[in-house]
Structure formats: structure tokens, C-alpha cells
PDB file of N, CA and C in Angstrom:
ATOM      1  N   MET A   1     -37.390 -90.682 -33.135  1.00  0.00           N
ATOM      2  CA  MET A   1     -36.366 -89.720 -33.828  1.00  0.00           C
ATOM      3  C   MET A   1     -37.132 -89.756 -35.351  1.00  0.00           C
ATOM      4  N   ARG A   2     -37.046 -88.575 -35.699  1.00  0.00           N
ATOM      5  CA  ARG A   2     -37.582 -88.246 -37.245  1.00  0.00           C
ATOM      6  C   ARG A   2     -36.340 -88.107 -38.287  1.00  0.00           C
ATOM      7  N   VAL A   3     -36.387 -88.761 -39.237  1.00  0.00           N
ATOM      8  CA  VAL A   3     -35.561 -88.754 -40.353  1.00  0.00           C
ATOM      9  C   VAL A   3     -35.798 -88.508 -41.574  1.00  0.00           C
ATOM     10  N   GLN A   4     -35.449 -87.348 -42.242  1.00  0.00           N
ATOM     11  CA  GLN A   4     -35.971 -87.060 -43.577  1.00  0.00           C
ATOM     12  C   GLN A   4     -34.793 -86.965 -44.609  1.00  0.00           C
ATOM     13  N   LEU A   5     -34.872 -87.445 -45.723  1.00  0.00           N
ATOM     14  CA  LEU A   5     -34.074 -87.453 -47.019  1.00  0.00           C
ATOM     15  C   LEU A   5     -34.528 -86.602 -47.926  1.00  0.00           C
ATOM     16  N   LEU A   6     -33.899 -85.308 -48.075  1.00  0.00           N
ATOM     17  CA  LEU A   6     -34.448 -84.277 -48.959  1.00  0.00           C
ATOM     18  C   LEU A   6     -33.468 -84.490 -50.231  1.00  0.00           C
ATOM     19  N   TYR A   7     -34.218 -84.503 -51.259  1.00  0.00           N
ATOM     20  CA  TYR A   7     -33.526 -84.575 -52.608  1.00  0.00           C
ATOM     21  C   TYR A   7     -34.400 -83.931 -53.737  1.00  0.00           C
ATOM     22  N   PHE A   8     -33.513 -83.942 -54.953  1.00  0.00           N
ATOM     23  CA  PHE A   8     -34.368 -83.606 -56.163  1.00  0.00           C
ATOM     24  C   PHE A   8     -33.894 -84.618 -57.353  1.00  0.00           C
ATOM     25  N   ASP A   9     -34.748 -84.677 -58.275  1.00  0.00           N
ATOM     26  CA  ASP A   9     -34.410 -85.637 -59.210  1.00  0.00           C
ATOM     27  C   ASP A   9     -33.409 -85.302 -60.055  1.00  0.00           C
ATOM     28  N   GLY A  10     -32.677 -84.147 -60.086  1.00  0.00           N
ATOM     29  CA  GLY A  10     -31.564 -83.925 -61.040  1.00  0.00           C
ATOM     30  C   GLY A  10     -30.154 -84.469 -60.531  1.00  0.00           C
ATOM     31  N   CYS A  11     -30.360 -85.067 -59.365  1.00  0.00           N
ATOM     32  CA  CYS A  11     -29.029 -85.575 -58.815  1.00  0.00           C
ATOM     33  C   CYS A  11     -29.106 -87.007 -58.166  1.00  0.00           C
ATOM     34  N   PRO A  12     -28.247 -87.840 -58.646  1.00  0.00           N
ATOM     35  CA  PRO A  12     -28.513 -89.223 -58.281  1.00  0.00           C
ATOM     36  C   PRO A  12     -27.964 -89.714 -57.025  1.00  0.00           C
ATOM     37  N   HIS A  13     -27.195 -88.832 -56.257  1.00  0.00           N
ATOM     38  CA  HIS A  13     -26.615 -89.069 -54.997  1.00  0.00           C
ATOM     39  C   HIS A  13     -27.660 -89.445 -54.006  1.00  0.00           C
ATOM     40  N   TRP A  14     -28.838 -89.205 -54.005  1.00  0.00           N
ATOM     41  CA  TRP A  14     -29.794 -89.435 -53.197  1.00  0.00           C
ATOM     42  C   TRP A  14     -30.156 -90.865 -52.768  1.00  0.00           C
ATOM     43  N   GLU A  15     -30.022 -91.612 -53.869  1.00  0.00           N
ATOM     44  CA  GLU A  15     -30.146 -92.889 -53.928  1.00  0.00           C
ATOM     45  C   GLU A  15     -29.118 -93.647 -53.128  1.00  0.00           C
ATOM     46  N   LEU A  16     -27.535 -93.308 -53.303  1.00  0.00           N
ATOM     47  CA  LEU A  16     -26.608 -93.751 -52.152  1.00  0.00           C
ATOM     48  C   LEU A  16     -26.922 -93.498 -51.007  1.00  0.00           C
ATOM     49  N   ALA A  17     -27.261 -92.145 -50.621  1.00  0.00           N
ATOM     50  CA  ALA A  17     -27.439 -91.669 -49.365  1.00  0.00           C
ATOM     51  C   ALA A  17     -28.707 -92.538 -48.695  1.00  0.00           C
ATOM     52  N   ASP A  18     -29.615 -93.031 -49.476  1.00  0.00           N
ATOM     53  CA  ASP A  18     -30.788 -93.602 -48.989  1.00  0.00           C
ATOM     54  C   ASP A  18     -30.337 -95.022 -48.409  1.00  0.00           C
ATOM     55  N   GLY A  19     -29.562 -95.741 -49.315  1.00  0.00           N
ATOM     56  CA  GLY A  19     -28.988 -96.983 -49.079  1.00  0.00           C
ATOM     57  C   GLY A  19     -28.252 -97.042 -47.881  1.00  0.00           C
ATOM     58  N   ARG A  20     -27.281 -95.929 -47.723  1.00  0.00           N
ATOM     59  CA  ARG A  20     -26.341 -95.914 -46.634  1.00  0.00           C
ATOM     60  C   ARG A  20     -27.198 -95.534 -45.225  1.00  0.00           C
ATOM     61  N   LEU A  21     -28.034 -94.604 -45.402  1.00  0.00           N
ATOM     62  CA  LEU A  21     -28.900 -94.578 -44.304  1.00  0.00           C
ATOM     63  C   LEU A  21     -29.620 -95.697 -43.845  1.00  0.00           C
ATOM     64  N   GLY A  22     -30.125 -96.435 -44.619  1.00  0.00           N
ATOM     65  CA  GLY A  22     -30.864 -97.887 -44.212  1.00  0.00           C
ATOM     66  C   GLY A  22     -29.870 -98.660 -43.409  1.00  0.00           C
ATOM     67  N   GLU A  23     -28.495 -98.721 -43.961  1.00  0.00           N
ATOM     68  CA  GLU A  23     -27.523 -99.448 -43.464  1.00  0.00           C
ATOM     69  C   GLU A  23     -27.119 -99.064 -41.891  1.00  0.00           C
ATOM     70  N   ALA A  24     -27.164 -97.567 -41.868  1.00  0.00           N
ATOM     71  CA  ALA A  24     -26.684 -97.025 -40.675  1.00  0.00           C
ATOM     72  C   ALA A  24     -27.882 -97.217 -39.496  1.00  0.00           C
ATOM     73  N   LEU A  25     -29.064 -97.215 -39.956  1.00  0.00           N
ATOM     74  CA  LEU A  25     -30.329 -97.445 -39.089  1.00  0.00           C
ATOM     75  C   LEU A  25     -30.221 -98.815 -38.508  1.00  0.00           C
ATOM     76  N   GLU A  26     -29.918 -99.771 -39.452  1.00  0.00           N
ATOM     77  CA  GLU A  26     -29.876-101.287 -39.232  1.00  0.00           C
ATOM     78  C   GLU A  26     -28.750-101.459 -38.224  1.00  0.00           C
ATOM     79  N   ALA A  27     -27.634-101.033 -38.566  1.00  0.00           N
ATOM     80  CA  ALA A  27     -26.463-101.091 -37.660  1.00  0.00           C
ATOM     81  C   ALA A  27     -26.778-100.737 -36.132  1.00  0.00           C
ATOM     82  N   LEU A  28     -27.751 -99.865 -36.231  1.00  0.00           N
ATOM     83  CA  LEU A  28     -28.196 -99.197 -34.694  1.00  0.00           C
ATOM     84  C   LEU A  28     -29.394 -99.906 -34.176  1.00  0.00           C
ATOM     85  N   GLY A  29     -29.715-100.928 -34.986  1.00  0.00           N
ATOM     86  CA  GLY A  29     -30.988-101.691 -34.357  1.00  0.00           C
ATOM     87  C   GLY A  29     -32.104-100.683 -34.212  1.00  0.00           C
ATOM     88  N   VAL A  30     -32.195 -99.612 -34.971  1.00  0.00           N
ATOM     89  CA  VAL A  30     -33.402 -98.655 -35.001  1.00  0.00           C
ATOM     90  C   VAL A  30     -34.403 -98.836 -36.207  1.00  0.00           C
ATOM     91  N   HIS A  31     -35.623 -98.822 -35.902  1.00  0.00           N
ATOM     92  CA  HIS A  31     -36.456 -98.834 -37.147  1.00  0.00           C
ATOM     93  C   HIS A  31     -37.262 -97.599 -37.071  1.00  0.00           C
ATOM     94  N   VAL A  32     -37.000 -96.909 -38.230  1.00  0.00           N
ATOM     95  CA  VAL A  32     -37.436 -95.605 -38.369  1.00  0.00           C
ATOM     96  C   VAL A  32     -37.767 -95.376 -39.830  1.00  0.00           C
ATOM     97  N   ASP A  33     -39.048 -94.905 -40.251  1.00  0.00           N
ATOM     98  CA  ASP A  33     -39.487 -94.968 -41.434  1.00  0.00           C
ATOM     99  C   ASP A  33     -38.811 -93.453 -41.903  1.00  0.00           C
ATOM    100  N   VAL A  34     -37.926 -93.535 -43.009  1.00  0.00           N
ATOM    101  CA  VAL A  34     -37.126 -92.267 -43.467  1.00  0.00           C
ATOM    102  C   VAL A  34     -38.139 -91.740 -44.451  1.00  0.00           C
ATOM    103  N   GLU A  35     -38.496 -90.369 -44.118  1.00  0.00           N
ATOM    104  CA  GLU A  35     -39.280 -89.669 -45.023  1.00  0.00           C
ATOM    105  C   GLU A  35     -38.524 -88.998 -46.089  1.00  0.00           C
ATOM    106  N   LYS A  36     -39.101 -89.360 -47.331  1.00  0.00           N
ATOM    107  CA  LYS A  36     -38.349 -88.976 -48.547  1.00  0.00           C
ATOM    108  C   LYS A  36     -39.050 -87.604 -48.970  1.00  0.00           C
ATOM    109  N   VAL A  37     -38.346 -86.565 -49.024  1.00  0.00           N
ATOM    110  CA  VAL A  37     -38.991 -85.253 -49.552  1.00  0.00           C
ATOM    111  C   VAL A  37     -38.399 -84.821 -50.695  1.00  0.00           C
ATOM    112  N   LEU A  38     -39.055 -84.776 -51.905  1.00  0.00           N
ATOM    113  CA  LEU A  38     -38.777 -84.316 -53.198  1.00  0.00           C
ATOM    114  C   LEU A  38     -38.896 -82.701 -53.036  1.00  0.00           C
ATOM    115  N   VAL A  39     -37.690 -82.162 -53.363  1.00  0.00           N
ATOM    116  CA  VAL A  39     -37.654 -80.703 -53.263  1.00  0.00           C
ATOM    117  C   VAL A  39     -37.504 -80.279 -54.927  1.00  0.00           C
ATOM    118  N   THR A  40     -38.672 -79.526 -55.349  1.00  0.00           N
ATOM    119  CA  THR A  40     -38.604 -79.252 -56.872  1.00  0.00           C
ATOM    120  C   THR A  40     -38.341 -77.827 -57.225  1.00  0.00           C
ATOM    121  N   THR A  41     -38.512 -76.901 -56.257  1.00  0.00           N
ATOM    122  CA  THR A  41     -38.452 -75.385 -56.703  1.00  0.00           C
ATOM    123  C   THR A  41     -37.522 -74.457 -55.597  1.00  0.00           C
ATOM    124  N   PRO A  42     -36.978 -73.473 -56.090  1.00  0.00           N
ATOM    125  CA  PRO A  42     -36.059 -72.572 -55.463  1.00  0.00           C
ATOM    126  C   PRO A  42     -37.005 -72.224 -53.934  1.00  0.00           C
ATOM    127  N   GLU A  43     -38.080 -71.996 -54.144  1.00  0.00           N
ATOM    128  CA  GLU A  43     -38.870 -71.686 -52.941  1.00  0.00           C
ATOM    129  C   GLU A  43     -38.890 -72.703 -51.994  1.00  0.00           C
ATOM    130  N   GLN A  44     -39.078 -74.009 -52.346  1.00  0.00           N
ATOM    131  CA  GLN A  44     -39.119 -75.078 -51.572  1.00  0.00           C
ATOM    132  C   GLN A  44     -37.646 -75.125 -50.911  1.00  0.00           C
ATOM    133  N   ALA A  45     -36.567 -75.070 -51.639  1.00  0.00           N
ATOM    134  CA  ALA A  45     -35.402 -75.040 -51.085  1.00  0.00           C
ATOM    135  C   ALA A  45     -35.076 -74.217 -50.095  1.00  0.00           C
ATOM    136  N   GLU A  46     -35.529 -72.876 -50.282  1.00  0.00           N
ATOM    137  CA  GLU A  46     -35.473 -71.768 -49.076  1.00  0.00           C
ATOM    138  C   GLU A  46     -36.188 -72.326 -47.942  1.00  0.00           C
ATOM    139  N   GLN A  47     -37.381 -72.703 -48.098  1.00  0.00           N
ATOM    140  CA  GLN A  47     -38.027 -73.266 -47.025  1.00  0.00           C
ATOM    141  C   GLN A  47     -37.419 -74.152 -46.122  1.00  0.00           C
ATOM    142  N   TRP A  48     -36.929 -75.305 -46.928  1.00  0.00           N
ATOM    143  CA  TRP A  48     -36.354 -76.474 -46.112  1.00  0.00           C
ATOM    144  C   TRP A  48     -34.827 -76.034 -45.816  1.00  0.00           C
ATOM    145  N   SER A  49     -34.366 -74.916 -46.209  1.00  0.00           N
ATOM    146  CA  SER A  49     -32.761 -74.682 -46.037  1.00  0.00           C
ATOM    147  C   SER A  49     -31.965 -75.849 -46.679  1.00  0.00           C
ATOM    148  N   PHE A  50     -32.567 -76.179 -47.789  1.00  0.00           N
ATOM    149  CA  PHE A  50     -31.942 -77.449 -48.594  1.00  0.00           C
ATOM    150  C   PHE A  50     -30.436 -76.978 -49.288  1.00  0.00           C
ATOM    151  N   ARG A  51     -29.482 -77.612 -48.678  1.00  0.00           N
ATOM    152  CA  ARG A  51     -28.226 -77.369 -49.013  1.00  0.00           C
ATOM    153  C   ARG A  51     -27.536 -78.248 -50.223  1.00  0.00           C
ATOM    154  N   GLY A  52     -28.670 -78.823 -50.790  1.00  0.00           N
ATOM    155  CA  GLY A  52     -28.376 -79.599 -52.004  1.00  0.00           C
ATOM    156  C   GLY A  52     -28.611 -81.128 -51.737  1.00  0.00           C
ATOM    157  N   SER A  53     -28.780 -81.743 -52.843  1.00  0.00           N
ATOM    158  CA  SER A  53     -29.278 -83.068 -52.977  1.00  0.00           C
ATOM    159  C   SER A  53     -28.179 -84.052 -52.664  1.00  0.00           C
ATOM    160  N   PRO A  54     -28.114 -85.162 -51.744  1.00  0.00           N
ATOM    161  CA  PRO A  54     -28.992 -85.326 -50.720  1.00  0.00           C
ATOM    162  C   PRO A  54     -28.825 -84.424 -49.431  1.00  0.00           C
ATOM    163  N   SER A  55     -29.880 -84.196 -48.694  1.00  0.00           N
ATOM    164  CA  SER A  55     -29.513 -83.631 -47.329  1.00  0.00           C
ATOM    165  C   SER A  55     -30.439 -84.541 -46.408  1.00  0.00           C
ATOM    166  N   ILE A  56     -29.830 -84.712 -45.189  1.00  0.00           N
ATOM    167  CA  ILE A  56     -30.576 -85.618 -44.229  1.00  0.00           C
ATOM    168  C   ILE A  56     -30.754 -84.752 -43.117  1.00  0.00           C
ATOM    169  N   LEU A  57     -32.029 -84.815 -42.616  1.00  0.00           N
ATOM    170  CA  LEU A  57     -32.420 -84.200 -41.456  1.00  0.00           C
ATOM    171  C   LEU A  57     -32.710 -85.280 -40.481  1.00  0.00           C
ATOM    172  N   VAL A  58     -32.057 -84.877 -39.153  1.00  0.00           N
ATOM    173  CA  VAL A  58     -32.427 -85.909 -38.106  1.00  0.00           C
ATOM    174  C   VAL A  58     -33.063 -84.837 -37.165  1.00  0.00           C
ATOM    175  N   ASP A  59     -34.476 -85.050 -36.766  1.00  0.00           N
ATOM    176  CA  ASP A  59     -35.174 -84.378 -35.880  1.00  0.00           C
ATOM    177  C   ASP A  59     -35.119 -82.927 -36.395  1.00  0.00           C
ATOM    178  N   GLY A  60     -35.227 -82.492 -37.573  1.00  0.00           N
ATOM    179  CA  GLY A  60     -35.085 -81.440 -38.155  1.00  0.00           C
ATOM    180  C   GLY A  60     -33.822 -80.648 -38.447  1.00  0.00           C
ATOM    181  N   GLU A  61     -32.852 -81.436 -37.939  1.00  0.00           N
ATOM    182  CA  GLU A  61     -31.408 -80.691 -38.187  1.00  0.00           C
ATOM    183  C   GLU A  61     -30.591 -81.399 -39.178  1.00  0.00           C
ATOM    184  N   ASP A  62     -29.887 -80.596 -40.024  1.00  0.00           N
ATOM    185  CA  ASP A  62     -28.904 -80.981 -40.880  1.00  0.00           C
ATOM    186  C   ASP A  62     -27.520 -80.978 -40.201  1.00  0.00           C
ATOM    187  N   HIS A  63     -27.185 -82.134 -39.772  1.00  0.00           N
ATOM    188  CA  HIS A  63     -25.655 -82.228 -38.835  1.00  0.00           C
ATOM    189  C   HIS A  63     -24.745 -81.971 -39.852  1.00  0.00           C
ATOM    190  N   PHE A  64     -24.676 -82.139 -41.230  1.00  0.00           N
ATOM    191  CA  PHE A  64     -23.630 -82.340 -42.197  1.00  0.00           C
ATOM    192  C   PHE A  64     -23.599 -80.708 -42.868  1.00  0.00           C
ATOM    193  N   ALA A  65     -24.424 -79.893 -42.347  1.00  0.00           N
ATOM    194  CA  ALA A  65     -24.431 -78.501 -43.088  1.00  0.00           C
ATOM    195  C   ALA A  65     -23.298 -77.772 -42.878  1.00  0.00           C
ATOM    196  N   GLU A  66     -22.563 -77.200 -43.643  1.00  0.00           N
ATOM    197  CA  GLU A  66     -21.325 -76.585 -43.421  1.00  0.00           C
ATOM    198  C   GLU A  66     -21.713 -74.971 -43.415  1.00  0.00           C
ATOM    199  N   PRO A  67     -21.193 -74.333 -42.498  1.00  0.00           N
ATOM    200  CA  PRO A  67     -21.519 -72.903 -42.263  1.00  0.00           C
ATOM    201  C   PRO A  67     -21.288 -72.152 -43.669  1.00  0.00           C
ATOM    202  N   GLY A  68     -22.508 -71.354 -44.122  1.00  0.00           N
ATOM    203  CA  GLY A  68     -22.327 -70.488 -45.299  1.00  0.00           C
ATOM    204  C   GLY A  68     -22.606 -71.219 -46.555  1.00  0.00           C
ATOM    205  N   ALA A  69     -22.881 -72.601 -46.425  1.00  0.00           N
ATOM    206  CA  ALA A  69     -23.248 -73.303 -47.599  1.00  0.00           C
ATOM    207  C   ALA A  69     -24.439 -72.778 -48.319  1.00  0.00           C
ATOM    208  N   PRO A  70     -24.419 -72.725 -49.696  1.00  0.00           N
ATOM    209  CA  PRO A  70     -25.700 -72.103 -50.170  1.00  0.00           C
ATOM    210  C   PRO A  70     -26.971 -73.079 -50.177  1.00  0.00           C
ATOM    211  N   VAL A  71     -27.964 -72.391 -50.269  1.00  0.00           N
ATOM    212  CA  VAL A  71     -29.213 -73.128 -50.420  1.00  0.00           C
ATOM    213  C   VAL A  71     -29.544 -73.093 -51.872  1.00  0.00           C
ATOM    214  N   GLY A  72     -30.255 -74.251 -52.259  1.00  0.00           N
ATOM    215  CA  GLY A  72     -30.623 -74.359 -53.612  1.00  0.00           C
ATOM    216  C   GLY A  72     -30.837 -75.726 -54.443  1.00  0.00           C
ATOM    217  N   LEU A  73     -31.307 -75.729 -55.525  1.00  0.00           N
ATOM    218  CA  LEU A  73     -31.397 -77.079 -56.203  1.00  0.00           C
ATOM    219  C   LEU A  73     -29.978 -77.553 -56.762  1.00  0.00           C
ATOM    220  N   SER A  74     -28.997 -78.280 -56.083  1.00  0.00           N
ATOM    221  CA  SER A  74     -27.604 -78.834 -56.602  1.00  0.00           C
ATOM    222  C   SER A  74     -27.482 -80.016 -56.017  1.00  0.00           C
ATOM    223  N   CYS A  75     -26.560 -80.644 -56.590  1.00  0.00           N
ATOM    224  CA  CYS A  75     -25.879 -81.916 -55.865  1.00  0.00           C
ATOM    225  C   CYS A  75     -25.044 -81.524 -54.920  1.00  0.00           C
ATOM    226  N   ARG A  76     -24.988 -82.207 -53.822  1.00  0.00           N
ATOM    227  CA  ARG A  76     -24.314 -81.913 -52.628  1.00  0.00           C
ATOM    228  C   ARG A  76     -23.132 -82.816 -52.485  1.00  0.00           C
ATOM    229  N   LEU A  77     -21.962 -82.427 -52.141  1.00  0.00           N
ATOM    230  CA  LEU A  77     -20.808 -83.397 -51.784  1.00  0.00           C
ATOM    231  C   LEU A  77     -20.532 -83.279 -50.254  1.00  0.00           C
ATOM    232  N   TYR A  78     -19.957 -84.481 -49.702  1.00  0.00           N
ATOM    233  CA  TYR A  78     -19.865 -84.665 -48.167  1.00  0.00           C
ATOM    234  C   TYR A  78     -18.081 -85.043 -47.925  1.00  0.00           C
ATOM    235  N   ARG A  79     -17.541 -84.400 -47.107  1.00  0.00           N
ATOM    236  CA  ARG A  79     -16.223 -84.845 -46.834  1.00  0.00           C
ATOM    237  C   ARG A  79     -16.403 -86.123 -45.983  1.00  0.00           C
ATOM    238  N   THR A  80     -15.666 -87.175 -46.537  1.00  0.00           N
ATOM    239  CA  THR A  80     -15.528 -88.334 -45.693  1.00  0.00           C
ATOM    240  C   THR A  80     -14.095 -88.676 -45.502  1.00  0.00           C
ATOM    241  N   PRO A  81     -13.827 -89.790 -44.746  1.00  0.00           N
ATOM    242  CA  PRO A  81     -12.480 -90.073 -44.189  1.00  0.00           C
ATOM    243  C   PRO A  81     -11.887 -90.698 -45.618  1.00  0.00           C
ATOM    244  N   ASP A  82     -12.472 -91.039 -46.880  1.00  0.00           N
ATOM    245  CA  ASP A  82     -12.007 -91.577 -47.935  1.00  0.00           C
ATOM    246  C   ASP A  82     -12.057 -90.483 -49.061  1.00  0.00           C
ATOM    247  N   GLY A  83     -12.425 -89.171 -48.499  1.00  0.00           N
ATOM    248  CA  GLY A  83     -12.332 -88.099 -49.649  1.00  0.00           C
ATOM    249  C   GLY A  83     -13.921 -87.701 -49.800  1.00  0.00           C
ATOM    250  N   VAL A  84     -14.136 -86.870 -50.976  1.00  0.00           N
ATOM    251  CA  VAL A  84     -15.275 -86.252 -51.085  1.00  0.00           C
ATOM    252  C   VAL A  84     -16.384 -87.319 -51.771  1.00  0.00           C
ATOM    253  N   GLU A  85     -17.341 -87.477 -51.255  1.00  0.00           N
ATOM    254  CA  GLU A  85     -18.418 -88.441 -52.010  1.00  0.00           C
ATOM    255  C   GLU A  85     -19.808 -87.705 -51.970  1.00  0.00           C
ATOM    256  N   GLY A  86     -20.786 -88.297 -52.588  1.00  0.00           N
ATOM    257  CA  GLY A  86     -21.981 -87.860 -52.813  1.00  0.00           C
ATOM    258  C   GLY A  86     -23.033 -88.010 -51.676  1.00  0.00           C
ATOM    259  N   SER A  87     -22.377 -88.854 -50.596  1.00  0.00           N
ATOM    260  CA  SER A  87     -23.220 -89.055 -49.439  1.00  0.00           C
ATOM    261  C   SER A  87     -22.300 -89.279 -48.293  1.00  0.00           C
ATOM    262  N   PRO A  88     -22.756 -89.120 -47.148  1.00  0.00           N
ATOM    263  CA  PRO A  88     -22.058 -89.305 -45.893  1.00  0.00           C
ATOM    264  C   PRO A  88     -21.673 -90.910 -45.787  1.00  0.00           C
ATOM    265  N   THR A  89     -20.721 -91.276 -45.123  1.00  0.00           N
ATOM    266  CA  THR A  89     -20.590 -92.582 -45.024  1.00  0.00           C
ATOM    267  C   THR A  89     -21.465 -93.419 -44.000  1.00  0.00           C
ATOM    268  N   VAL A  90     -21.589 -94.693 -44.099  1.00  0.00           N
ATOM    269  CA  VAL A  90     -22.514 -95.275 -43.145  1.00  0.00           C
ATOM    270  C   VAL A  90     -22.038 -95.132 -41.598  1.00  0.00           C
ATOM    271  N   GLU A  91     -20.608 -95.075 -41.402  1.00  0.00           N
ATOM    272  CA  GLU A  91     -20.366 -94.588 -40.196  1.00  0.00           C
ATOM    273  C   GLU A  91     -20.420 -93.302 -39.531  1.00  0.00           C
ATOM    274  N   GLN A  92     -20.362 -92.176 -40.523  1.00  0.00           N
ATOM    275  CA  GLN A  92     -20.808 -90.835 -40.260  1.00  0.00           C
ATOM    276  C   GLN A  92     -22.226 -90.891 -39.884  1.00  0.00           C
ATOM    277  N   LEU A  93     -22.977 -91.523 -40.525  1.00  0.00           N
ATOM    278  CA  LEU A  93     -24.555 -91.462 -40.378  1.00  0.00           C
ATOM    279  C   LEU A  93     -24.894 -92.195 -39.044  1.00  0.00           C
ATOM    280  N   VAL A  94     -24.133 -93.313 -38.637  1.00  0.00           N
ATOM    281  CA  VAL A  94     -24.267 -93.778 -37.426  1.00  0.00           C
ATOM    282  C   VAL A  94     -23.959 -92.889 -36.123  1.00  0.00           C
ATOM    283  N   GLN A  95     -23.027 -92.179 -36.344  1.00  0.00           N
ATOM    284  CA  GLN A  95     -22.526 -91.095 -35.432  1.00  0.00           C
ATOM    285  C   GLN A  95     -23.713 -90.086 -35.149  1.00  0.00           C
ATOM    286  N   VAL A  96     -24.151 -89.693 -36.283  1.00  0.00           N
ATOM    287  CA  VAL A  96     -25.273 -88.649 -36.199  1.00  0.00           C
ATOM    288  C   VAL A  96     -26.476 -89.113 -35.574  1.00  0.00           C
ATOM    289  N   LEU A  97     -26.929 -90.473 -36.020  1.00  0.00           N
ATOM    290  CA  LEU A  97     -28.034 -91.139 -35.687  1.00  0.00           C
ATOM    291  C   LEU A  97     -27.973 -91.113 -34.239  1.00  0.00           C
ATOM    292  N   SER A  98     -26.729 -91.640 -33.664  1.00  0.00           N
ATOM    293  CA  SER A  98     -26.661 -92.275 -32.314  1.00  0.00           C
ATOM    294  C   SER A  98     -26.355 -91.023 -31.579  1.00  0.00           C
ATOM    295  N   GLY A  99     -26.236 -89.705 -31.870  1.00  0.00           N
ATOM    296  CA  GLY A  99     -26.025 -88.463 -31.190  1.00  0.00           C
ATOM    297  C   GLY A  99     -24.592 -88.355 -30.607  1.00  0.00           C
ATOM    298  N   THR A 100     -23.575 -89.282 -31.132  1.00  0.00           N
ATOM    299  CA  THR A 100     -22.289 -89.284 -30.805  1.00  0.00           C
ATOM    300  C   THR A 100     -21.452 -88.552 -31.653  1.00  0.00           C
TER     301      THR A 100
END
């Protein structure tokens, strides 16, 4: 499994997502080196289909992308059971990482 965390320096949410991603992988008992990808230009955002920081790709797919969400250098928000947050919950990440 390949896991990438796309972010840009203008948004601190990526640090929360990085921590939760680590917790989710640990909960699954999976050791994966998460590749952190710094997106710095609108061209890179287009190339990566970057829907905002943070974006988490599992085997190249953004499972949290909402249809029609714009591509660009912005902070991204996620719908969670507890409301809108700057990162998916550990449980949401476990679901995506386990394929359920």
C-alpha cells in the first residue's frame, strides 16, 4: 500500500492529519512509510488534483474527495461524525486504509 500526505505550508491541518494517519496505521498493525508531498504552486496542485491541505492518497486515490471540489492551494475541511474538522478522524482513516 502506498500512502501520501499532500500539504502546503500555509495550512497547519496537515500536522493533525499526519498524527491521525499514524494512529490509524498503528491500529491496523500496518507499517507504511507515509510519503509527505509539499505542494507549492497552482501547477503542482493541478498535477496532483490537490483538493486542499491536507489531502491523503491511498494507492493514488483520494477517498475523501467530494465531487466538484476545487483544486488549489487552500485549507481543506472534512466531514466527521463530530462535525467539520481539518482532518479525517482516526476511525475514518482506518476504514479507508483497510478498504472497508
